Amino acid sequence: MARSVNRVILLGNLGRDAELTYTPSGQALSKVSLATSRSWKDQTSGEMQEETDWPNRAIWGKTADKPNH
């Protein structure tokens, strides 16, 4: 069976401050809620439409433990 890697890049705005916690073994875990929006022109009415999704993501390890700048 062929192996593949899927990569997704999400661009958006944080919905709230990240929640930084640590596992019992000391590994950093940061939980974030990201607002991603898309807009399009409705073919029937001709009006602009917008939809926002709120995917929740977990960031592990050194990336999660970096301070905000």
PDB file of N, CA and C in Angstrom:
ATOM      1  N   MET A   1       0.842  -1.162   0.000  1.00  0.00           N
ATOM      2  CA  MET A   1       0.000   0.000   0.000  1.00  0.00           C
ATOM      3  C   MET A   1       0.898   1.239   0.000  1.00  0.00           C
ATOM      4  N   ALA A   2       0.536   2.219  -0.818  1.00  0.00           N
ATOM      5  CA  ALA A   2       1.300   3.460  -0.896  1.00  0.00           C
ATOM      6  C   ALA A   2       1.061   4.315   0.336  1.00  0.00           C
ATOM      7  N   ARG A   3       2.108   4.972   0.789  1.00  0.00           N
ATOM      8  CA  ARG A   3       1.987   5.879   1.929  1.00  0.00           C
ATOM      9  C   ARG A   3       1.920   7.304   1.414  1.00  0.00           C
ATOM     10  N   SER A   4       1.142   8.111   2.075  1.00  0.00           N
ATOM     11  CA  SER A   4       1.049   9.507   1.673  1.00  0.00           C
ATOM     12  C   SER A   4       0.922  10.379   2.911  1.00  0.00           C
ATOM     13  N   VAL A   5       1.216  11.648   2.725  1.00  0.00           N
ATOM     14  CA  VAL A   5       1.099  12.615   3.799  1.00  0.00           C
ATOM     15  C   VAL A   5       0.130  13.695   3.344  1.00  0.00           C
ATOM     16  N   ASN A   6      -0.842  13.980   4.166  1.00  0.00           N
ATOM     17  CA  ASN A   6      -1.771  15.066   3.880  1.00  0.00           C
ATOM     18  C   ASN A   6      -1.380  16.250   4.738  1.00  0.00           C
ATOM     19  N   ARG A   7      -1.279  17.423   4.116  1.00  0.00           N
ATOM     20  CA  ARG A   7      -0.921  18.625   4.838  1.00  0.00           C
ATOM     21  C   ARG A   7      -2.038  19.644   4.674  1.00  0.00           C
ATOM     22  N   VAL A   8      -2.425  20.248   5.782  1.00  0.00           N
ATOM     23  CA  VAL A   8      -3.470  21.265   5.772  1.00  0.00           C
ATOM     24  C   VAL A   8      -2.897  22.524   6.415  1.00  0.00           C
ATOM     25  N   ILE A   9      -3.128  23.652   5.792  1.00  0.00           N
ATOM     26  CA  ILE A   9      -2.736  24.929   6.367  1.00  0.00           C
ATOM     27  C   ILE A   9      -4.010  25.706   6.650  1.00  0.00           C
ATOM     28  N   LEU A  10      -4.241  26.007   7.923  1.00  0.00           N
ATOM     29  CA  LEU A  10      -5.422  26.766   8.324  1.00  0.00           C
ATOM     30  C   LEU A  10      -5.000  28.194   8.638  1.00  0.00           C
ATOM     31  N   LEU A  11      -5.638  29.138   7.979  1.00  0.00           N
ATOM     32  CA  LEU A  11      -5.407  30.549   8.249  1.00  0.00           C
ATOM     33  C   LEU A  11      -6.676  31.117   8.837  1.00  0.00           C
ATOM     34  N   GLY A  12      -6.554  31.823   9.940  1.00  0.00           N
ATOM     35  CA  GLY A  12      -7.734  32.382  10.573  1.00  0.00           C
ATOM     36  C   GLY A  12      -7.366  33.211  11.773  1.00  0.00           C
ATOM     37  N   ASN A  13      -8.324  33.397  12.633  1.00  0.00           N
ATOM     38  CA  ASN A  13      -8.151  34.186  13.851  1.00  0.00           C
ATOM     39  C   ASN A  13      -8.456  33.319  15.061  1.00  0.00           C
ATOM     40  N   LEU A  14      -7.677  33.521  16.127  1.00  0.00           N
ATOM     41  CA  LEU A  14      -7.952  32.792  17.360  1.00  0.00           C
ATOM     42  C   LEU A  14      -9.243  33.293  17.970  1.00  0.00           C
ATOM     43  N   GLY A  15     -10.079  32.381  18.411  1.00  0.00           N
ATOM     44  CA  GLY A  15     -11.345  32.749  19.010  1.00  0.00           C
ATOM     45  C   GLY A  15     -11.203  33.106  20.481  1.00  0.00           C
ATOM     46  N   ARG A  16     -10.152  32.621  21.126  1.00  0.00           N
ATOM     47  CA  ARG A  16      -9.873  32.922  22.530  1.00  0.00           C
ATOM     48  C   ARG A  16      -8.399  32.621  22.777  1.00  0.00           C
ATOM     49  N   ASP A  17      -7.908  33.005  23.941  1.00  0.00           N
ATOM     50  CA  ASP A  17      -6.521  32.716  24.284  1.00  0.00           C
ATOM     51  C   ASP A  17      -6.297  31.210  24.331  1.00  0.00           C
ATOM     52  N   ALA A  18      -5.100  30.799  23.946  1.00  0.00           N
ATOM     53  CA  ALA A  18      -4.746  29.380  23.986  1.00  0.00           C
ATOM     54  C   ALA A  18      -4.717  28.891  25.431  1.00  0.00           C
ATOM     55  N   GLU A  19      -5.107  27.637  25.638  1.00  0.00           N
ATOM     56  CA  GLU A  19      -5.076  27.008  26.964  1.00  0.00           C
ATOM     57  C   GLU A  19      -3.849  26.105  27.020  1.00  0.00           C
ATOM     58  N   LEU A  20      -2.834  26.518  27.767  1.00  0.00           N
ATOM     59  CA  LEU A  20      -1.599  25.758  27.872  1.00  0.00           C
ATOM     60  C   LEU A  20      -1.632  24.887  29.118  1.00  0.00           C
ATOM     61  N   THR A  21      -1.454  23.588  28.916  1.00  0.00           N
ATOM     62  CA  THR A  21      -1.375  22.637  30.020  1.00  0.00           C
ATOM     63  C   THR A  21      -0.188  21.719  29.766  1.00  0.00           C
ATOM     64  N   TYR A  22       0.114  20.886  30.733  1.00  0.00           N
ATOM     65  CA  TYR A  22       1.217  19.929  30.606  1.00  0.00           C
ATOM     66  C   TYR A  22       0.718  18.542  30.974  1.00  0.00           C
ATOM     67  N   THR A  23       1.191  17.538  30.249  1.00  0.00           N
ATOM     68  CA  THR A  23       0.852  16.153  30.556  1.00  0.00           C
ATOM     69  C   THR A  23       1.625  15.749  31.814  1.00  0.00           C
ATOM     70  N   PRO A  24       1.246  14.634  32.458  1.00  0.00           N
ATOM     71  CA  PRO A  24       1.988  14.182  33.641  1.00  0.00           C
ATOM     72  C   PRO A  24       3.481  13.962  33.367  1.00  0.00           C
ATOM     73  N   SER A  25       3.835  13.653  32.113  1.00  0.00           N
ATOM     74  CA  SER A  25       5.249  13.445  31.771  1.00  0.00           C
ATOM     75  C   SER A  25       5.965  14.757  31.466  1.00  0.00           C
ATOM     76  N   GLY A  26       5.240  15.901  31.487  1.00  0.00           N
ATOM     77  CA  GLY A  26       5.869  17.204  31.277  1.00  0.00           C
ATOM     78  C   GLY A  26       5.790  17.750  29.867  1.00  0.00           C
ATOM     79  N   GLN A  27       5.096  17.056  28.970  1.00  0.00           N
ATOM     80  CA  GLN A  27       4.985  17.542  27.595  1.00  0.00           C
ATOM     81  C   GLN A  27       3.918  18.631  27.512  1.00  0.00           C
ATOM     82  N   ALA A  28       4.242  19.731  26.806  1.00  0.00           N
ATOM     83  CA  ALA A  28       3.321  20.861  26.673  1.00  0.00           C
ATOM     84  C   ALA A  28       2.185  20.517  25.713  1.00  0.00           C
ATOM     85  N   LEU A  29       0.975  20.995  26.051  1.00  0.00           N
ATOM     86  CA  LEU A  29      -0.208  20.833  25.215  1.00  0.00           C
ATOM     87  C   LEU A  29      -0.952  22.158  25.217  1.00  0.00           C
ATOM     88  N   SER A  30      -1.134  22.724  24.041  1.00  0.00           N
ATOM     89  CA  SER A  30      -1.855  23.979  23.903  1.00  0.00           C
ATOM     90  C   SER A  30      -3.103  23.731  23.067  1.00  0.00           C
ATOM     91  N   LYS A  31      -4.268  24.154  23.579  1.00  0.00           N
ATOM     92  CA  LYS A  31      -5.532  23.982  22.859  1.00  0.00           C
ATOM     93  C   LYS A  31      -5.999  25.342  22.358  1.00  0.00           C
ATOM     94  N   VAL A  32      -6.355  25.406  21.071  1.00  0.00           N
ATOM     95  CA  VAL A  32      -6.800  26.661  20.466  1.00  0.00           C
ATOM     96  C   VAL A  32      -8.083  26.445  19.669  1.00  0.00           C
ATOM     97  N   SER A  33      -8.864  27.511  19.554  1.00  0.00           N
ATOM     98  CA  SER A  33     -10.061  27.533  18.719  1.00  0.00           C
ATOM     99  C   SER A  33      -9.806  28.563  17.631  1.00  0.00           C
ATOM    100  N   LEU A  34      -9.896  28.152  16.384  1.00  0.00           N
ATOM    101  CA  LEU A  34      -9.522  28.989  15.253  1.00  0.00           C
ATOM    102  C   LEU A  34     -10.738  29.288  14.395  1.00  0.00           C
ATOM    103  N   ALA A  35     -10.976  30.561  14.105  1.00  0.00           N
ATOM    104  CA  ALA A  35     -12.083  30.951  13.227  1.00  0.00           C
ATOM    105  C   ALA A  35     -11.567  31.000  11.790  1.00  0.00           C
ATOM    106  N   THR A  36     -12.105  30.141  10.937  1.00  0.00           N
ATOM    107  CA  THR A  36     -11.764  30.160   9.511  1.00  0.00           C
ATOM    108  C   THR A  36     -13.026  30.498   8.736  1.00  0.00           C
ATOM    109  N   SER A  37     -12.932  31.492   7.866  1.00  0.00           N
ATOM    110  CA  SER A  37     -14.103  31.966   7.129  1.00  0.00           C
ATOM    111  C   SER A  37     -13.909  31.802   5.631  1.00  0.00           C
ATOM    112  N   ARG A  38     -15.011  31.661   4.944  1.00  0.00           N
ATOM    113  CA  ARG A  38     -15.003  31.659   3.483  1.00  0.00           C
ATOM    114  C   ARG A  38     -16.192  32.486   3.017  1.00  0.00           C
ATOM    115  N   SER A  39     -16.046  33.108   1.873  1.00  0.00           N
ATOM    116  CA  SER A  39     -17.155  33.900   1.328  1.00  0.00           C
ATOM    117  C   SER A  39     -17.308  33.582  -0.150  1.00  0.00           C
ATOM    118  N   TRP A  40     -18.531  33.745  -0.651  1.00  0.00           N
ATOM    119  CA  TRP A  40     -18.848  33.458  -2.035  1.00  0.00           C
ATOM    120  C   TRP A  40     -20.072  34.258  -2.451  1.00  0.00           C
ATOM    121  N   LYS A  41     -20.241  34.378  -3.734  1.00  0.00           N
ATOM    122  CA  LYS A  41     -21.404  35.074  -4.276  1.00  0.00           C
ATOM    123  C   LYS A  41     -22.475  34.037  -4.593  1.00  0.00           C
ATOM    124  N   ASP A  42     -23.649  34.189  -3.989  1.00  0.00           N
ATOM    125  CA  ASP A  42     -24.751  33.266  -4.201  1.00  0.00           C
ATOM    126  C   ASP A  42     -25.199  33.337  -5.660  1.00  0.00           C
ATOM    127  N   GLN A  43     -25.271  32.203  -6.326  1.00  0.00           N
ATOM    128  CA  GLN A  43     -25.631  32.172  -7.751  1.00  0.00           C
ATOM    129  C   GLN A  43     -27.092  32.524  -7.992  1.00  0.00           C
ATOM    130  N   THR A  44     -27.956  32.249  -7.033  1.00  0.00           N
ATOM    131  CA  THR A  44     -29.380  32.533  -7.201  1.00  0.00           C
ATOM    132  C   THR A  44     -29.701  34.007  -6.966  1.00  0.00           C
ATOM    133  N   SER A  45     -29.278  34.532  -5.805  1.00  0.00           N
ATOM    134  CA  SER A  45     -29.636  35.906  -5.434  1.00  0.00           C
ATOM    135  C   SER A  45     -28.582  36.928  -5.845  1.00  0.00           C
ATOM    136  N   GLY A  46     -27.368  36.486  -6.099  1.00  0.00           N
ATOM    137  CA  GLY A  46     -26.287  37.405  -6.433  1.00  0.00           C
ATOM    138  C   GLY A  46     -25.680  38.092  -5.226  1.00  0.00           C
ATOM    139  N   GLU A  47     -26.156  37.769  -4.008  1.00  0.00           N
ATOM    140  CA  GLU A  47     -25.646  38.384  -2.788  1.00  0.00           C
ATOM    141  C   GLU A  47     -24.428  37.625  -2.273  1.00  0.00           C
ATOM    142  N   MET A  48     -23.553  38.368  -1.584  1.00  0.00           N
ATOM    143  CA  MET A  48     -22.391  37.746  -0.965  1.00  0.00           C
ATOM    144  C   MET A  48     -22.833  36.954   0.268  1.00  0.00           C
ATOM    145  N   GLN A  49     -22.280  35.781   0.421  1.00  0.00           N
ATOM    146  CA  GLN A  49     -22.546  34.909   1.563  1.00  0.00           C
ATOM    147  C   GLN A  49     -21.226  34.695   2.298  1.00  0.00           C
ATOM    148  N   GLU A  50     -21.309  34.448   3.599  1.00  0.00           N
ATOM    149  CA  GLU A  50     -20.115  34.162   4.386  1.00  0.00           C
ATOM    150  C   GLU A  50     -20.430  33.066   5.385  1.00  0.00           C
ATOM    151  N   GLU A  51     -19.451  32.194   5.594  1.00  0.00           N
ATOM    152  CA  GLU A  51     -19.603  31.092   6.548  1.00  0.00           C
ATOM    153  C   GLU A  51     -18.325  30.995   7.364  1.00  0.00           C
ATOM    154  N   THR A  52     -18.445  30.844   8.673  1.00  0.00           N
ATOM    155  CA  THR A  52     -17.295  30.716   9.562  1.00  0.00           C
ATOM    156  C   THR A  52     -17.352  29.372  10.269  1.00  0.00           C
ATOM    157  N   ASP A  53     -16.245  28.657  10.239  1.00  0.00           N
ATOM    158  CA  ASP A  53     -16.102  27.393  10.969  1.00  0.00           C
ATOM    159  C   ASP A  53     -15.166  27.637  12.149  1.00  0.00           C
ATOM    160  N   TRP A  54     -15.340  26.859  13.208  1.00  0.00           N
ATOM    161  CA  TRP A  54     -14.532  26.981  14.418  1.00  0.00           C
ATOM    162  C   TRP A  54     -13.844  25.654  14.749  1.00  0.00           C
ATOM    163  N   PRO A  55     -12.820  25.276  13.980  1.00  0.00           N
ATOM    164  CA  PRO A  55     -12.137  24.020  14.318  1.00  0.00           C
ATOM    165  C   PRO A  55     -11.283  24.187  15.583  1.00  0.00           C
ATOM    166  N   ASN A  56     -11.329  23.188  16.454  1.00  0.00           N
ATOM    167  CA  ASN A  56     -10.489  23.155  17.655  1.00  0.00           C
ATOM    168  C   ASN A  56      -9.245  22.359  17.326  1.00  0.00           C
ATOM    169  N   ARG A  57      -8.094  22.846  17.755  1.00  0.00           N
ATOM    170  CA  ARG A  57      -6.830  22.192  17.446  1.00  0.00           C
ATOM    171  C   ARG A  57      -5.985  22.056  18.701  1.00  0.00           C
ATOM    172  N   ALA A  58      -5.165  21.022  18.721  1.00  0.00           N
ATOM    173  CA  ALA A  58      -4.216  20.793  19.811  1.00  0.00           C
ATOM    174  C   ALA A  58      -2.809  20.907  19.237  1.00  0.00           C
ATOM    175  N   ILE A  59      -1.957  21.600  19.956  1.00  0.00           N
ATOM    176  CA  ILE A  59      -0.564  21.785  19.555  1.00  0.00           C
ATOM    177  C   ILE A  59       0.288  21.149  20.649  1.00  0.00           C
ATOM    178  N   TRP A  60       1.204  20.283  20.252  1.00  0.00           N
ATOM    179  CA  TRP A  60       1.992  19.510  21.201  1.00  0.00           C
ATOM    180  C   TRP A  60       3.459  19.936  21.205  1.00  0.00           C
ATOM    181  N   GLY A  61       4.127  19.643  22.284  1.00  0.00           N
ATOM    182  CA  GLY A  61       5.576  19.746  22.375  1.00  0.00           C
ATOM    183  C   GLY A  61       6.121  21.160  22.409  1.00  0.00           C
ATOM    184  N   LYS A  62       7.299  21.343  21.799  1.00  0.00           N
ATOM    185  CA  LYS A  62       7.993  22.628  21.838  1.00  0.00           C
ATOM    186  C   LYS A  62       7.184  23.741  21.183  1.00  0.00           C
ATOM    187  N   THR A  63       6.443  23.425  20.136  1.00  0.00           N
ATOM    188  CA  THR A  63       5.629  24.433  19.462  1.00  0.00           C
ATOM    189  C   THR A  63       4.558  24.971  20.408  1.00  0.00           C
ATOM    190  N   ALA A  64       3.990  24.133  21.226  1.00  0.00           N
ATOM    191  CA  ALA A  64       2.938  24.547  22.162  1.00  0.00           C
ATOM    192  C   ALA A  64       3.501  25.403  23.292  1.00  0.00           C
ATOM    193  N   ASP A  65       4.767  25.204  23.623  1.00  0.00           N
ATOM    194  CA  ASP A  65       5.367  25.844  24.773  1.00  0.00           C
ATOM    195  C   ASP A  65       6.034  27.188  24.441  1.00  0.00           C
ATOM    196  N   LYS A  66       6.005  27.614  23.167  1.00  0.00           N
ATOM    197  CA  LYS A  66       6.632  28.876  22.783  1.00  0.00           C
ATOM    198  C   LYS A  66       5.816  30.048  23.326  1.00  0.00           C
ATOM    199  N   PRO A  67       6.502  31.039  23.885  1.00  0.00           N
ATOM    200  CA  PRO A  67       5.767  32.217  24.388  1.00  0.00           C
ATOM    201  C   PRO A  67       5.218  33.057  23.235  1.00  0.00           C
ATOM    202  N   ASN A  68       4.137  33.783  23.509  1.00  0.00           N
ATOM    203  CA  ASN A  68       3.561  34.692  22.511  1.00  0.00           C
ATOM    204  C   ASN A  68       4.445  35.922  22.380  1.00  0.00           C
ATOM    205  N   HIS A  69       4.576  36.427  21.169  1.00  0.00           N
ATOM    206  CA  HIS A  69       5.374  37.640  20.938  1.00  0.00           C
ATOM    207  C   HIS A  69       4.486  38.760  20.508  1.00  0.00           C
TER     208      HIS A  69
END
